[in-house]
Protein backbone atom coordinates (compact mmCIF):
# COMPACT_ATOMS: atom_id res chain seq x y z
CA MET A 1 -0.12 -7.49 3.79
CA ASP A 2 -3.68 -6.14 3.44
CA THR A 3 -5.03 -8.87 5.73
CA LEU A 4 -2.84 -7.77 8.62
CA ARG A 5 -3.35 -4.07 7.94
CA GLY A 6 -7.08 -4.74 7.94
CA ARG A 7 -6.85 -6.38 11.36
CA ALA A 8 -4.90 -3.44 12.75
CA GLU A 9 -7.32 -0.87 11.34
CA THR A 10 -10.26 -2.78 12.83
CA LEU A 11 -8.60 -2.80 16.25
CA LYS A 12 -7.99 0.96 16.07
CA LEU A 13 -11.57 1.67 14.99
CA ALA A 14 -12.99 -0.55 17.72
CA ARG A 15 -11.00 1.44 20.28
CA LEU A 16 -12.34 4.74 18.91
CA LEU A 17 -15.93 3.50 19.04
CA ASP A 18 -15.43 1.72 22.38
CA VAL A 19 -16.74 -1.60 21.07
CA GLU A 20 -15.34 -5.13 20.99
CA PRO A 21 -13.17 -5.76 17.89
CA ARG A 22 -15.22 -8.84 17.01
CA GLN A 23 -18.23 -6.58 16.39
CA LEU A 24 -16.29 -4.95 13.55
CA ALA A 25 -14.66 -8.10 12.20
CA PHE A 26 -16.67 -7.78 8.97
CA LEU A 27 -14.61 -4.69 8.11
CA GLU A 28 -11.54 -6.90 7.61
CA GLU A 29 -13.12 -8.06 4.35
CA LEU A 30 -13.20 -4.50 2.96
CA PRO A 31 -10.34 -2.64 1.22
CA VAL A 32 -8.00 -1.56 3.99
CA ASP A 33 -7.56 1.98 2.66
CA ASP A 34 -11.34 2.46 2.79
CA VAL A 35 -11.40 1.32 6.42
CA ARG A 36 -8.54 3.69 7.26
CA LEU A 37 -10.39 6.60 5.61
CA PHE A 38 -13.53 5.68 7.55
CA ARG A 39 -11.52 5.70 10.78
CA GLU A 40 -10.19 9.18 9.98
CA ARG A 41 -13.76 10.40 9.43
CA VAL A 42 -14.83 8.84 12.71
CA VAL A 43 -12.02 10.76 14.43
CA ALA A 44 -13.32 14.00 12.92
CA ALA A 45 -16.90 13.22 13.91
CA LEU A 46 -15.96 12.34 17.48
CA PHE A 47 -13.52 15.12 18.23
CA ASP A 48 -15.11 17.98 16.29
CA GLU A 49 -18.44 17.68 18.09
CA ASP A 50 -19.42 20.85 19.96
CA PRO A 51 -15.98 22.53 19.68
CA ALA A 52 -17.39 25.90 20.78
CA ARG A 53 -18.13 24.62 24.29
CA LEU A 54 -14.62 23.21 24.63
CA ASP A 55 -13.10 26.40 23.26
CA ARG A 56 -14.92 28.41 25.94
CA ILE A 57 -13.52 26.14 28.66
CA ALA A 58 -10.06 26.35 27.09
CA ALA A 59 -10.24 30.13 27.12
CA LEU A 60 -11.04 30.08 30.84
CA THR A 61 -7.98 27.96 31.60
CA LYS A 62 -5.76 30.74 30.26
CA LEU A 63 -6.70 32.73 33.35
CA LEU A 64 -5.49 29.99 35.70
CA PRO A 65 -1.97 29.00 36.73
CA ALA A 66 -0.99 25.70 35.15
CA THR A 67 -0.86 24.02 38.58
CA VAL A 68 -4.47 25.02 39.30
CA ALA A 69 -5.61 23.92 35.83
CA ALA A 70 -3.94 20.55 36.38
CA GLY A 71 -5.74 20.14 39.69
CA ILE A 72 -9.09 20.93 38.08
CA ALA A 73 -8.39 18.46 35.29
CA GLN A 74 -7.88 15.67 37.84
CA LYS A 75 -10.60 16.52 40.34
CA ALA A 76 -13.37 17.94 38.19
CA LEU A 77 -12.92 16.99 34.55
CA GLY A 78 -11.62 13.43 34.55
CA PRO A 79 -9.55 11.79 31.80
CA ARG A 80 -12.07 11.98 28.93
CA LEU A 81 -12.98 15.65 29.24
CA ALA A 82 -9.42 16.65 30.15
CA ALA A 83 -8.17 14.94 26.98
CA ALA A 84 -10.82 16.66 24.86
CA LEU A 85 -9.86 20.00 26.39
CA ALA A 86 -6.15 19.38 25.75
CA GLY A 87 -6.97 19.09 22.07
CA ARG A 88 -8.43 22.62 22.08
CA LEU A 89 -5.58 24.31 23.96
CA GLU A 90 -2.50 25.82 22.45
CA PRO A 91 0.05 22.96 22.38
CA ALA A 92 2.49 24.83 24.63
CA ARG A 93 -0.24 25.46 27.20
CA ALA A 94 -1.38 21.82 27.07
CA ALA A 95 2.20 20.65 27.60
CA ASP A 96 2.61 23.06 30.54
CA ILE A 97 -0.43 21.56 32.26
CA ILE A 98 0.59 17.97 31.47
CA ASP A 99 3.94 18.69 33.09
CA ARG A 100 2.08 19.10 36.39
CA LEU A 101 -0.10 16.00 36.12
CA PRO A 102 0.77 12.54 37.46
CA ALA A 103 1.90 10.20 34.68
CA GLU A 104 -0.87 7.75 35.64
CA PHE A 105 -3.58 10.35 35.02
CA THR A 106 -2.02 11.56 31.78
CA ALA A 107 -1.77 7.98 30.52
CA ARG A 108 -5.52 7.57 31.09
CA CYS A 109 -6.10 10.80 29.18
CA CYS A 110 -4.00 9.59 26.24
CA HIS A 111 -6.68 7.02 25.46
CA HIS A 112 -9.13 9.85 24.74
CA VAL A 113 -6.97 12.54 23.12
CA ASP A 114 -7.63 13.70 19.56
CA PRO A 115 -5.03 11.84 17.42
CA ARG A 116 -4.68 14.89 15.19
CA ARG A 117 -3.36 16.97 18.11
CA ILE A 118 -0.76 14.51 19.36
CA ALA A 119 2.25 15.65 17.34
CA ALA A 120 2.06 19.30 18.40
CA ILE A 121 1.70 18.46 22.09
CA MET A 122 4.33 15.70 22.15
CA GLY A 123 6.89 18.01 20.60
CA ARG A 124 6.70 20.26 23.65
CA LEU A 125 6.96 17.65 26.41
CA ASP A 126 10.22 16.83 28.17
CA ASP A 127 11.58 13.36 27.54
CA ASP A 128 11.31 12.31 31.16
CA ILE A 129 7.56 12.97 31.13
CA VAL A 130 7.12 11.09 27.86
CA VAL A 131 9.08 8.12 29.20
CA ARG A 132 6.99 7.95 32.39
CA ILE A 133 3.74 8.07 30.43
CA ALA A 134 4.93 5.41 27.99
CA LEU A 135 5.88 3.05 30.80
CA VAL A 136 2.49 3.47 32.45
CA LEU A 137 0.76 2.67 29.16
CA ALA A 138 2.99 -0.37 28.74
CA GLU A 139 2.23 -1.57 32.24
CA ARG A 140 -1.48 -1.26 31.51
CA GLY A 141 -1.08 -3.17 28.24
CA ASP A 142 -2.54 -0.24 26.28
CA HIS A 143 -0.75 -0.99 23.03
CA LEU A 144 -3.31 0.82 20.87
CA THR A 145 -2.71 4.12 22.64
CA MET A 146 1.05 3.55 22.48
CA GLY A 147 0.68 2.94 18.75
CA ARG A 148 -0.86 6.40 18.37
CA PHE A 149 2.02 8.12 20.11
CA VAL A 150 5.16 6.18 19.26
CA GLY A 151 5.48 7.58 15.76
CA HIS A 152 5.78 11.09 17.23
CA LEU A 153 8.63 10.31 19.64
CA GLY A 154 12.12 11.65 19.10
CA ASP A 155 15.21 9.48 19.25
CA SER A 156 16.21 10.54 22.75
CA ALA A 157 12.86 9.47 24.18
CA LEU A 158 12.82 6.26 22.16
CA LYS A 159 16.31 5.32 23.34
CA SER A 160 15.11 5.63 26.93
CA ILE A 161 11.82 3.79 26.39
CA LEU A 162 12.72 0.88 24.11
CA PRO A 163 15.07 -0.92 26.53
CA GLN A 164 12.36 -0.83 29.22
CA LEU A 165 9.65 -2.47 27.13
CA ASP A 166 9.29 -6.21 26.86
CA GLU A 167 9.38 -7.87 23.44
CA THR A 168 5.65 -8.62 23.23
CA THR A 169 4.87 -4.96 23.93
CA LEU A 170 7.17 -3.93 21.08
CA LEU A 171 5.40 -6.31 18.71
CA ARG A 172 1.87 -5.39 19.71
CA THR A 173 2.61 -1.67 19.61
CA GLY A 174 4.38 -1.86 16.25
CA PHE A 175 1.42 -3.76 14.81
CA VAL A 176 -0.96 -0.84 15.46
CA ILE A 177 1.44 2.07 14.93
CA ASP A 178 -0.31 5.05 13.36
CA HIS A 179 2.76 6.20 11.46
CA PRO A 180 4.29 3.07 9.89
CA GLU A 181 6.77 5.16 7.94
CA ARG A 182 8.59 5.68 11.26
CA LEU A 183 8.84 2.00 12.06
CA GLY A 184 12.00 1.35 10.06
CA HIS A 185 13.84 4.02 11.99
CA ILE A 186 12.60 2.65 15.31
CA VAL A 187 13.85 -0.82 14.35
CA GLU A 188 17.19 0.74 13.45
CA LEU A 189 17.56 1.81 17.08
CA LEU A 190 17.46 -1.84 18.20
CA ASP A 191 20.58 -4.01 18.02
CA ASP A 192 20.55 -7.50 16.49
CA GLU A 193 20.32 -9.21 19.85
CA ARG A 194 17.15 -7.30 20.75
CA ILE A 195 15.53 -7.93 17.38
CA SER A 196 16.31 -11.64 17.70
CA ALA A 197 14.66 -11.60 21.13
CA VAL A 198 11.57 -9.94 19.61
CA ILE A 199 11.44 -12.63 16.92
CA ALA A 200 11.75 -15.34 19.58
CA ALA A 201 8.86 -13.72 21.46
CA ALA A 202 6.74 -13.86 18.30
CA ALA A 203 7.23 -17.64 18.23
CA ASP A 204 6.80 -18.16 21.95
CA HIS A 205 3.66 -16.01 22.30
CA ASP A 206 1.83 -16.75 19.01
CA LEU A 207 2.55 -13.28 17.65
CA TRP A 208 3.83 -14.19 14.20
CA PRO A 209 1.15 -12.09 12.43
CA GLU A 210 2.23 -9.04 14.41
CA ALA A 211 5.88 -9.78 13.63
CA MET A 212 5.18 -10.12 9.90
CA ALA A 213 3.27 -6.85 9.91
CA VAL A 214 6.13 -5.05 11.65
CA ALA A 215 8.68 -6.51 9.22
CA SER A 216 6.55 -5.48 6.25
CA MET A 217 6.21 -1.91 7.50
CA ALA A 218 9.94 -1.63 8.23
CA ALA A 219 10.89 -1.21 4.60
CA GLY A 220 14.30 -1.29 2.98
CA GLU A 221 17.40 -2.35 4.88
CA GLN A 222 15.56 -2.90 8.14
CA ARG A 223 13.09 -5.30 6.56
CA ALA A 224 15.97 -7.31 5.07
CA ARG A 225 17.70 -7.26 8.44
CA ILE A 226 14.62 -8.65 10.18
CA ALA A 227 14.28 -11.31 7.49
CA SER A 228 17.89 -12.43 7.94
CA LEU A 229 17.66 -12.53 11.74
CA THR A 230 14.45 -14.53 11.47
CA ALA A 231 16.09 -17.07 9.16
CA ALA A 232 18.76 -17.58 11.83
CA GLN A 233 16.17 -18.72 14.39
CA PRO A 234 16.04 -22.40 15.45
CA GLU A 235 14.14 -24.78 13.20
CA THR A 236 11.28 -25.26 15.66
CA ARG A 237 10.55 -21.53 15.73
CA LEU A 238 10.68 -21.22 11.95
CA ASP A 239 8.37 -24.21 11.64
CA SER A 240 5.90 -22.43 13.91
CA LEU A 241 6.11 -19.41 11.59
CA ILE A 242 5.25 -21.54 8.56
CA HIS A 243 2.37 -23.26 10.34
CA ALA A 244 0.95 -19.95 11.63
CA THR A 245 1.15 -18.51 8.12
CA ALA A 246 -0.58 -21.55 6.63
CA GLU A 247 -3.33 -21.64 9.26
CA GLN A 248 -4.18 -17.96 8.78
CA ASP A 249 -3.42 -17.83 5.06
CA LEU A 250 -0.88 -15.04 5.43
CA TRP A 251 1.41 -15.95 2.53
CA GLU A 252 0.95 -12.47 1.07
CA SER A 253 2.73 -11.13 4.16
CA LEU A 254 5.45 -13.77 4.51
CA LEU A 255 6.61 -14.34 0.93
CA PRO A 256 7.86 -10.78 0.27
CA ILE A 257 9.97 -11.09 3.43
CA VAL A 258 11.34 -14.51 2.45
CA SER A 259 12.28 -13.12 -0.97
CA LEU A 260 14.85 -10.87 0.74
CA LEU A 261 16.92 -13.79 2.05
CA SER A 262 20.29 -14.77 0.66
CA GLU A 263 20.52 -18.08 -1.20
CA SER A 264 21.99 -19.89 1.81
CA GLU A 265 19.28 -18.49 4.10
CA LEU A 266 16.61 -19.40 1.58
CA ARG A 267 17.91 -22.97 1.39
CA ALA A 268 17.73 -23.26 5.17
CA VAL A 269 14.11 -22.10 5.14
CA ALA A 270 13.21 -24.36 2.22
CA ALA A 271 14.51 -27.37 4.17
CA LEU A 272 12.09 -26.83 7.06
CA PRO A 273 9.91 -29.85 7.97
CA ALA A 274 6.79 -27.69 7.67
CA LEU A 275 7.54 -27.16 3.98
CA ARG A 276 7.37 -30.88 3.35
CA ASP A 277 3.75 -30.99 4.50
CA PRO A 278 1.47 -31.44 1.44
CA THR A 279 -1.33 -29.47 3.11
CA VAL A 280 0.97 -26.53 3.80
CA LEU A 281 2.44 -26.59 0.29
CA SER A 282 -1.00 -26.82 -1.30
CA GLY A 283 -2.17 -23.76 0.64
CA LEU A 284 1.05 -21.97 -0.25
CA VAL A 285 0.60 -22.53 -3.99
CA ARG A 286 -3.03 -21.45 -3.88
CA GLY A 287 -2.06 -18.40 -1.83
CA VAL A 288 0.45 -17.44 -4.50
CA VAL A 289 -2.19 -17.86 -7.20
CA ALA A 290 -4.54 -15.56 -5.25
CA THR A 291 -1.92 -12.87 -4.64
CA GLY A 292 0.17 -13.15 -7.80
CA LEU A 293 3.40 -13.34 -5.80
CA TRP A 294 5.13 -15.67 -8.24
CA ALA A 295 8.30 -13.60 -8.29
CA ASP A 296 8.60 -14.02 -4.50
CA PHE A 297 7.68 -17.71 -4.56
CA LEU A 298 9.48 -19.27 -7.52
CA PRO A 299 13.05 -18.68 -6.22
CA MET A 300 12.13 -20.67 -3.11
CA VAL A 301 10.69 -23.48 -5.24
CA GLY A 302 14.05 -23.82 -6.92
CA VAL A 303 15.76 -24.70 -3.62
CA LEU A 304 13.04 -26.89 -2.11
CA PRO A 305 14.00 -30.52 -1.50
CA PRO A 306 12.98 -32.83 -4.40
CA THR A 307 10.00 -34.32 -2.56
CA ALA A 308 8.59 -30.91 -1.71
CA ARG A 309 9.22 -29.67 -5.25
CA ARG A 310 7.23 -32.59 -6.67
CA ILE A 311 4.33 -31.74 -4.35
CA VAL A 312 4.41 -28.14 -5.57
CA ALA A 313 4.46 -29.33 -9.18
CA ARG A 314 1.49 -31.59 -8.54
CA VAL A 315 -0.51 -28.85 -6.83
CA ALA A 316 0.38 -26.32 -9.53
CA GLY A 317 -0.58 -28.84 -12.19
CA SER A 318 -4.02 -29.23 -10.61
CA LEU A 319 -4.79 -25.54 -11.04
CA ASP A 320 -7.39 -24.54 -13.58
CA ASP A 321 -6.33 -22.85 -16.80
CA ALA A 322 -6.67 -19.37 -15.28
CA GLY A 323 -4.38 -20.33 -12.39
CA LEU A 324 -1.78 -21.88 -14.68
CA ASP A 325 -1.85 -18.90 -17.00
CA ALA A 326 -1.36 -16.61 -13.97
CA LEU A 327 1.76 -18.61 -13.15
CA ALA A 328 3.02 -18.20 -16.69
CA ARG A 329 2.27 -14.47 -16.74
CA GLY A 330 4.03 -14.01 -13.40
CA ALA A 331 7.10 -15.83 -14.72
CA ASP A 332 7.04 -13.85 -17.94
CA LYS A 333 6.66 -10.50 -16.21
CA GLU A 334 9.64 -11.12 -13.91
CA ASN A 335 11.67 -13.15 -16.46
CA LEU A 336 11.67 -16.23 -14.25
CA TRP A 337 11.26 -18.91 -16.91
CA GLU A 338 14.45 -20.66 -15.80
CA LEU A 339 12.68 -21.33 -12.48
CA VAL A 340 9.42 -22.43 -14.09
CA HIS A 341 10.88 -24.98 -16.52
CA PRO A 342 12.17 -27.40 -13.82
CA LEU A 343 8.74 -27.24 -12.21
CA VAL A 344 7.01 -28.00 -15.50
CA GLU A 345 9.32 -30.97 -16.03
CA LEU A 346 7.94 -32.53 -12.86
CA MET A 347 4.35 -32.31 -14.11
CA ASP A 348 2.64 -35.18 -15.91
CA ASP A 349 2.20 -35.23 -19.69
CA PRO A 350 -1.47 -34.13 -19.76
CA THR A 351 -0.65 -31.10 -17.60
CA ARG A 352 2.33 -30.11 -19.74
CA GLU A 353 0.16 -30.42 -22.84
CA ARG A 354 -2.49 -28.22 -21.24
CA LEU A 355 0.19 -25.68 -20.34
CA SER A 356 1.46 -25.55 -23.90
CA GLU A 357 -1.97 -24.43 -25.08
CA LEU A 358 -2.28 -21.51 -22.68
CA PRO A 359 -2.03 -18.00 -24.20
CA THR A 360 1.15 -16.98 -22.37
CA PHE A 361 2.99 -20.19 -23.31
CA ARG A 362 1.86 -19.91 -26.94
CA ALA A 363 2.99 -16.29 -27.07
CA ARG A 364 6.38 -17.25 -25.64
CA ARG A 365 6.86 -19.97 -28.25
CA ALA A 366 5.82 -17.59 -31.00
CA GLY A 367 8.28 -14.99 -29.70
């Protein structure tokens, strides 16, 4: 899912630099881990600038009652400087001042706070304050800031916040979450009905990429749960998922999720009208060649309707030798030859002859 991770990292970096995401779109072509590392260095450069001046101001606030410090933050400092100052205070002192600030002002500060300081401060705030701030951010549509904070929330706060957020907010926030390792647990707090509503929102609001990213980050049982609940959606919604994936070439994100389905669920997906479209199937095969996801793809081929399977065979047969050998190597690595043979049988004689001369096929015959 590097394509989707790249989009999310670009959005986060654009927010840090206060520029339009389209100005950084070129970064989506770079390795996503490199972009993430660059973002971390940008955070250091932005928030470590002139720390001595901020430390002097922070020292002065120790002499003031928290109520007075909160008043100064609102009237004299403003959200940007107040957020920078919060990052230099002792977490307990910062939390004490935040407790006396209106949620609306604190939410504006959250946009500017040093991400590295969030965990220590959040751990000292009462749940009711956290909930109020989260709801203000949601109302403002500030999903990027919510994505910074949500990974630091405890279960009690999450259980109060999640029911009050609409489904598109959940998707957009999950897409840019800074701590994806927490996403599976957050999904676990949602019942099946709510997850199904989130999936429906992905279809209804053109948010399938965000939904795929969330499912991919929610590893293990929760990813399989999302996959199964998605497969249970009406045919029209699932068709929109396939078309969105094809249009944006996101097979690398979808196929690992599809591979988690049971055989009956997989058959239902394979019967979708969208997967009888030659253009969609051609892009799917070429996407698999590019990503090497043969182990995720071939089981679905086995349950495709005959017409669709013949299209796949024709497209696969039109691959160059390198593409065909990649197919063979993928099948060999995952021991999926029983799924490849029916596909080969649907190819024409010249293609089968060409296959037989490829290194992987020759090695298999020799073995």
